[in-house]
Amino acid sequence: MITELVVPLLASLALAFLAESMTEYVFAWAFDLAAEKWPLVKAIEPLRYVALMVGICLAFAYQLDLLLVAFPTMPPSVAWIGIFLTGMAIGRGANYVHDMWSRYLKPEQPSA
């Protein structure tokens, strides 16, 4: 049972780390150059939206749904909504996914 909970969490953390770091590595230089020419680019922060799209794509590629893992008895009526929300969390970055899991989705531990 614990494996069913830990594997999706570790996968989402790994994907969040990859999404965040690879988005920075691949796209940051272009947005930095654009921000020098157009100050509005810095205010919009387009890198955040690129990371969000990368996270959503990765969640769909791996069919990763943290909400379904956390609440298996409450499947959504629209199957892809949990994957989409998981992708948004992945796009926010590894720290955000960890905070969300530990604060809201972590299953209750039986008291000894």
N, C-alpha and C. Protein backbone atom coordinates (compact mmCIF):
# COMPACT_ATOMS: atom_id res chain seq x y z
N MET A 1 0.81 -1.20 0.00
CA MET A 1 0.00 0.00 0.00
C MET A 1 0.86 1.26 0.00
N ILE A 2 1.91 1.25 0.78
CA ILE A 2 2.76 2.44 0.86
C ILE A 2 3.43 2.72 -0.48
N THR A 3 3.74 1.68 -1.23
CA THR A 3 4.35 1.85 -2.55
C THR A 3 3.40 2.56 -3.49
N GLU A 4 2.10 2.26 -3.38
CA GLU A 4 1.12 2.91 -4.24
C GLU A 4 1.06 4.41 -4.00
N LEU A 5 1.46 4.85 -2.83
CA LEU A 5 1.46 6.27 -2.50
C LEU A 5 2.80 6.94 -2.79
N VAL A 6 3.88 6.23 -2.51
CA VAL A 6 5.21 6.83 -2.61
C VAL A 6 5.67 6.96 -4.05
N VAL A 7 5.41 5.96 -4.87
CA VAL A 7 5.90 5.99 -6.26
C VAL A 7 5.34 7.18 -7.03
N PRO A 8 4.02 7.45 -6.99
CA PRO A 8 3.54 8.65 -7.71
C PRO A 8 4.10 9.96 -7.15
N LEU A 9 4.29 10.02 -5.84
CA LEU A 9 4.88 11.22 -5.26
C LEU A 9 6.31 11.42 -5.74
N LEU A 10 7.10 10.37 -5.69
CA LEU A 10 8.48 10.48 -6.16
C LEU A 10 8.55 10.80 -7.65
N ALA A 11 7.65 10.21 -8.42
CA ALA A 11 7.60 10.50 -9.86
C ALA A 11 7.26 11.97 -10.09
N SER A 12 6.29 12.49 -9.36
CA SER A 12 5.92 13.89 -9.54
C SER A 12 7.03 14.83 -9.09
N LEU A 13 7.72 14.49 -8.01
CA LEU A 13 8.85 15.32 -7.58
C LEU A 13 9.97 15.31 -8.61
N ALA A 14 10.26 14.12 -9.16
CA ALA A 14 11.31 14.01 -10.18
C ALA A 14 10.91 14.80 -11.43
N LEU A 15 9.67 14.66 -11.86
CA LEU A 15 9.21 15.39 -13.04
C LEU A 15 9.19 16.89 -12.79
N ALA A 16 8.81 17.29 -11.59
CA ALA A 16 8.81 18.72 -11.25
C ALA A 16 10.22 19.28 -11.28
N PHE A 17 11.16 18.53 -10.73
CA PHE A 17 12.55 18.98 -10.76
C PHE A 17 13.05 19.10 -12.19
N LEU A 18 12.76 18.08 -13.01
CA LEU A 18 13.19 18.11 -14.41
C LEU A 18 12.51 19.25 -15.17
N ALA A 19 11.23 19.43 -14.96
CA ALA A 19 10.51 20.50 -15.65
C ALA A 19 11.08 21.86 -15.30
N GLU A 20 11.32 22.06 -14.02
CA GLU A 20 11.83 23.36 -13.56
C GLU A 20 13.25 23.60 -14.07
N SER A 21 14.13 22.63 -13.88
CA SER A 21 15.53 22.84 -14.25
C SER A 21 15.74 22.87 -15.76
N MET A 22 15.06 22.01 -16.50
CA MET A 22 15.24 22.00 -17.95
C MET A 22 14.59 23.21 -18.61
N THR A 23 13.49 23.69 -18.07
CA THR A 23 12.88 24.90 -18.61
C THR A 23 13.82 26.08 -18.40
N GLU A 24 14.41 26.17 -17.23
CA GLU A 24 15.40 27.22 -16.97
C GLU A 24 16.58 27.10 -17.94
N TYR A 25 17.07 25.90 -18.10
CA TYR A 25 18.26 25.67 -18.93
C TYR A 25 17.98 25.97 -20.40
N VAL A 26 16.85 25.54 -20.90
CA VAL A 26 16.57 25.65 -22.33
C VAL A 26 16.03 27.04 -22.71
N PHE A 27 15.17 27.64 -21.89
CA PHE A 27 14.47 28.84 -22.31
C PHE A 27 14.91 30.13 -21.62
N ALA A 28 15.56 30.06 -20.47
CA ALA A 28 15.85 31.28 -19.69
C ALA A 28 16.70 32.28 -20.47
N TRP A 29 17.67 31.81 -21.20
CA TRP A 29 18.56 32.73 -21.92
C TRP A 29 17.77 33.55 -22.96
N ALA A 30 16.83 32.91 -23.63
CA ALA A 30 16.05 33.62 -24.64
C ALA A 30 15.17 34.68 -24.01
N PHE A 31 14.55 34.35 -22.89
CA PHE A 31 13.69 35.32 -22.23
C PHE A 31 14.52 36.44 -21.60
N ASP A 32 15.74 36.14 -21.15
CA ASP A 32 16.61 37.20 -20.63
C ASP A 32 16.99 38.18 -21.73
N LEU A 33 17.31 37.65 -22.90
CA LEU A 33 17.64 38.54 -24.03
C LEU A 33 16.43 39.37 -24.44
N ALA A 34 15.25 38.76 -24.47
CA ALA A 34 14.04 39.48 -24.84
C ALA A 34 13.71 40.55 -23.80
N ALA A 35 13.97 40.27 -22.52
CA ALA A 35 13.67 41.23 -21.46
C ALA A 35 14.56 42.46 -21.56
N GLU A 36 15.77 42.30 -22.07
CA GLU A 36 16.65 43.46 -22.25
C GLU A 36 16.08 44.41 -23.30
N LYS A 37 15.48 43.84 -24.33
CA LYS A 37 14.93 44.66 -25.41
C LYS A 37 13.52 45.16 -25.08
N TRP A 38 12.71 44.30 -24.46
CA TRP A 38 11.33 44.65 -24.14
C TRP A 38 11.10 44.43 -22.64
N PRO A 39 11.08 45.48 -21.84
CA PRO A 39 10.91 45.34 -20.39
C PRO A 39 9.61 44.63 -19.97
N LEU A 40 8.60 44.68 -20.81
CA LEU A 40 7.34 44.04 -20.49
C LEU A 40 7.51 42.52 -20.35
N VAL A 41 8.47 41.95 -21.06
CA VAL A 41 8.71 40.51 -20.97
C VAL A 41 9.09 40.12 -19.55
N LYS A 42 9.86 40.95 -18.89
CA LYS A 42 10.25 40.66 -17.51
C LYS A 42 9.04 40.71 -16.59
N ALA A 43 8.14 41.64 -16.82
CA ALA A 43 6.95 41.77 -15.97
C ALA A 43 6.00 40.59 -16.17
N ILE A 44 5.90 40.08 -17.39
CA ILE A 44 4.98 38.98 -17.69
C ILE A 44 5.51 37.65 -17.15
N GLU A 45 6.81 37.51 -17.07
CA GLU A 45 7.46 36.27 -16.62
C GLU A 45 7.01 35.05 -17.44
N PRO A 46 7.30 35.04 -18.73
CA PRO A 46 6.83 33.95 -19.60
C PRO A 46 7.43 32.59 -19.25
N LEU A 47 8.55 32.57 -18.57
CA LEU A 47 9.18 31.30 -18.21
C LEU A 47 8.26 30.48 -17.29
N ARG A 48 7.50 31.15 -16.45
CA ARG A 48 6.54 30.44 -15.58
C ARG A 48 5.51 29.69 -16.40
N TYR A 49 5.05 30.29 -17.47
CA TYR A 49 4.02 29.67 -18.30
C TYR A 49 4.58 28.53 -19.14
N VAL A 50 5.82 28.68 -19.56
CA VAL A 50 6.48 27.58 -20.28
C VAL A 50 6.64 26.39 -19.33
N ALA A 51 7.08 26.64 -18.11
CA ALA A 51 7.24 25.56 -17.12
C ALA A 51 5.89 24.91 -16.82
N LEU A 52 4.84 25.70 -16.76
CA LEU A 52 3.50 25.16 -16.53
C LEU A 52 3.09 24.22 -17.65
N MET A 53 3.32 24.62 -18.89
CA MET A 53 2.97 23.77 -20.03
C MET A 53 3.82 22.50 -20.06
N VAL A 54 5.09 22.62 -19.72
CA VAL A 54 5.96 21.44 -19.66
C VAL A 54 5.45 20.48 -18.59
N GLY A 55 5.08 21.00 -17.44
CA GLY A 55 4.55 20.15 -16.37
C GLY A 55 3.28 19.44 -16.77
N ILE A 56 2.37 20.14 -17.43
CA ILE A 56 1.13 19.53 -17.88
C ILE A 56 1.41 18.44 -18.91
N CYS A 57 2.30 18.71 -19.84
CA CYS A 57 2.66 17.71 -20.86
C CYS A 57 3.29 16.47 -20.22
N LEU A 58 4.15 16.67 -19.24
CA LEU A 58 4.78 15.53 -18.56
C LEU A 58 3.75 14.71 -17.79
N ALA A 59 2.81 15.37 -17.12
CA ALA A 59 1.79 14.64 -16.38
C ALA A 59 0.93 13.80 -17.32
N PHE A 60 0.58 14.34 -18.47
CA PHE A 60 -0.19 13.56 -19.44
C PHE A 60 0.64 12.45 -20.05
N ALA A 61 1.91 12.71 -20.28
CA ALA A 61 2.77 11.67 -20.86
C ALA A 61 2.90 10.47 -19.93
N TYR A 62 2.94 10.73 -18.63
CA TYR A 62 3.08 9.66 -17.65
C TYR A 62 1.75 9.27 -16.99
N GLN A 63 0.64 9.90 -17.42
CA GLN A 63 -0.68 9.63 -16.84
C GLN A 63 -0.62 9.69 -15.31
N LEU A 64 -0.04 10.76 -14.80
CA LEU A 64 0.17 10.92 -13.38
C LEU A 64 -0.94 11.77 -12.77
N ASP A 65 -1.71 11.19 -11.86
CA ASP A 65 -2.83 11.86 -11.21
C ASP A 65 -2.69 11.71 -9.70
N LEU A 66 -2.12 12.72 -9.05
CA LEU A 66 -1.92 12.66 -7.60
C LEU A 66 -3.23 12.70 -6.84
N LEU A 67 -4.23 13.36 -7.37
CA LEU A 67 -5.51 13.41 -6.67
C LEU A 67 -6.18 12.04 -6.63
N LEU A 68 -6.08 11.29 -7.71
CA LEU A 68 -6.64 9.95 -7.73
C LEU A 68 -5.86 9.02 -6.80
N VAL A 69 -4.57 9.23 -6.67
CA VAL A 69 -3.77 8.45 -5.74
C VAL A 69 -4.16 8.76 -4.30
N ALA A 70 -4.36 10.04 -4.02
CA ALA A 70 -4.70 10.45 -2.66
C ALA A 70 -6.13 10.09 -2.29
N PHE A 71 -7.04 10.15 -3.25
CA PHE A 71 -8.46 9.88 -3.00
C PHE A 71 -8.98 8.83 -3.98
N PRO A 72 -8.57 7.57 -3.83
CA PRO A 72 -8.95 6.56 -4.82
C PRO A 72 -10.45 6.25 -4.84
N THR A 73 -11.16 6.54 -3.78
CA THR A 73 -12.59 6.25 -3.76
C THR A 73 -13.42 7.38 -4.37
N MET A 74 -12.76 8.47 -4.77
CA MET A 74 -13.47 9.61 -5.35
C MET A 74 -12.92 9.94 -6.74
N PRO A 75 -13.09 9.06 -7.72
CA PRO A 75 -12.58 9.38 -9.06
C PRO A 75 -13.38 10.54 -9.66
N PRO A 76 -12.71 11.40 -10.42
CA PRO A 76 -13.42 12.54 -11.01
C PRO A 76 -14.33 12.08 -12.14
N SER A 77 -15.35 12.86 -12.42
CA SER A 77 -16.24 12.52 -13.53
C SER A 77 -15.56 12.75 -14.88
N VAL A 78 -14.60 13.66 -14.90
CA VAL A 78 -13.79 13.89 -16.10
C VAL A 78 -12.40 13.35 -15.80
N ALA A 79 -12.02 12.27 -16.48
CA ALA A 79 -10.83 11.52 -16.11
C ALA A 79 -9.54 12.34 -16.17
N TRP A 80 -9.43 13.28 -17.08
CA TRP A 80 -8.17 13.98 -17.28
C TRP A 80 -7.97 15.17 -16.34
N ILE A 81 -8.97 15.55 -15.58
CA ILE A 81 -8.85 16.76 -14.75
C ILE A 81 -7.79 16.61 -13.66
N GLY A 82 -7.68 15.43 -13.06
CA GLY A 82 -6.65 15.21 -12.05
C GLY A 82 -5.26 15.23 -12.65
N ILE A 83 -5.12 14.70 -13.85
CA ILE A 83 -3.82 14.73 -14.53
C ILE A 83 -3.45 16.17 -14.86
N PHE A 84 -4.42 16.95 -15.31
CA PHE A 84 -4.17 18.35 -15.63
C PHE A 84 -3.73 19.13 -14.39
N LEU A 85 -4.43 18.93 -13.27
CA LEU A 85 -4.06 19.63 -12.03
C LEU A 85 -2.71 19.16 -11.50
N THR A 86 -2.42 17.88 -11.64
CA THR A 86 -1.10 17.37 -11.26
C THR A 86 -0.03 18.01 -12.12
N GLY A 87 -0.30 18.14 -13.41
CA GLY A 87 0.65 18.80 -14.31
C GLY A 87 0.89 20.26 -13.95
N MET A 88 -0.17 20.94 -13.50
CA MET A 88 0.01 22.32 -13.06
C MET A 88 0.92 22.38 -11.84
N ALA A 89 0.74 21.43 -10.92
CA ALA A 89 1.60 21.38 -9.73
C ALA A 89 3.04 21.05 -10.13
N ILE A 90 3.21 20.13 -11.06
CA ILE A 90 4.55 19.79 -11.54
C ILE A 90 5.20 21.01 -12.18
N GLY A 91 4.43 21.76 -12.95
CA GLY A 91 4.95 22.96 -13.59
C GLY A 91 5.37 24.03 -12.61
N ARG A 92 4.77 24.05 -11.44
CA ARG A 92 5.17 25.01 -10.42
C ARG A 92 6.53 24.70 -9.81
N GLY A 93 6.93 23.43 -9.85
CA GLY A 93 8.25 23.06 -9.34
C GLY A 93 8.19 22.05 -8.23
N ALA A 94 9.34 21.47 -7.95
CA ALA A 94 9.44 20.37 -6.98
C ALA A 94 9.05 20.80 -5.57
N ASN A 95 9.44 21.97 -5.17
CA ASN A 95 9.13 22.44 -3.82
C ASN A 95 7.62 22.57 -3.64
N TYR A 96 6.94 23.07 -4.64
CA TYR A 96 5.49 23.24 -4.56
C TYR A 96 4.79 21.89 -4.47
N VAL A 97 5.23 20.91 -5.26
CA VAL A 97 4.61 19.58 -5.21
C VAL A 97 4.79 18.96 -3.83
N HIS A 98 5.98 19.08 -3.27
CA HIS A 98 6.24 18.53 -1.94
C HIS A 98 5.35 19.21 -0.90
N ASP A 99 5.25 20.52 -0.95
CA ASP A 99 4.40 21.25 0.01
C ASP A 99 2.94 20.84 -0.13
N MET A 100 2.46 20.72 -1.36
CA MET A 100 1.07 20.33 -1.58
C MET A 100 0.82 18.93 -1.03
N TRP A 101 1.73 18.02 -1.29
CA TRP A 101 1.54 16.64 -0.83
C TRP A 101 1.54 16.58 0.69
N SER A 102 2.52 17.19 1.33
CA SER A 102 2.63 17.07 2.78
C SER A 102 1.52 17.84 3.50
N ARG A 103 1.02 18.90 2.91
CA ARG A 103 0.00 19.71 3.56
C ARG A 103 -1.42 19.19 3.34
N TYR A 104 -1.72 18.75 2.11
CA TYR A 104 -3.10 18.44 1.78
C TYR A 104 -3.37 16.98 1.42
N LEU A 105 -2.42 16.30 0.80
CA LEU A 105 -2.71 15.00 0.23
C LEU A 105 -2.13 13.82 1.01
N LYS A 106 -1.27 14.08 1.96
CA LYS A 106 -0.63 13.01 2.70
C LYS A 106 -1.68 12.21 3.47
N PRO A 107 -1.73 10.89 3.28
CA PRO A 107 -2.72 10.10 4.00
C PRO A 107 -2.45 10.09 5.50
N GLU A 108 -3.51 9.92 6.25
CA GLU A 108 -3.39 9.86 7.71
C GLU A 108 -2.57 8.64 8.10
N GLN A 109 -1.65 8.83 9.02
CA GLN A 109 -0.84 7.74 9.54
C GLN A 109 -1.55 7.16 10.75
N PRO A 110 -1.70 5.84 10.78
CA PRO A 110 -2.35 5.24 11.96
C PRO A 110 -1.51 5.46 13.20
N SER A 111 -2.18 5.84 14.28
CA SER A 111 -1.44 6.05 15.52
C SER A 111 -1.12 4.71 16.18
N ALA A 112 0.06 4.63 16.72
CA ALA A 112 0.52 3.36 17.31
C ALA A 112 0.05 3.21 18.73
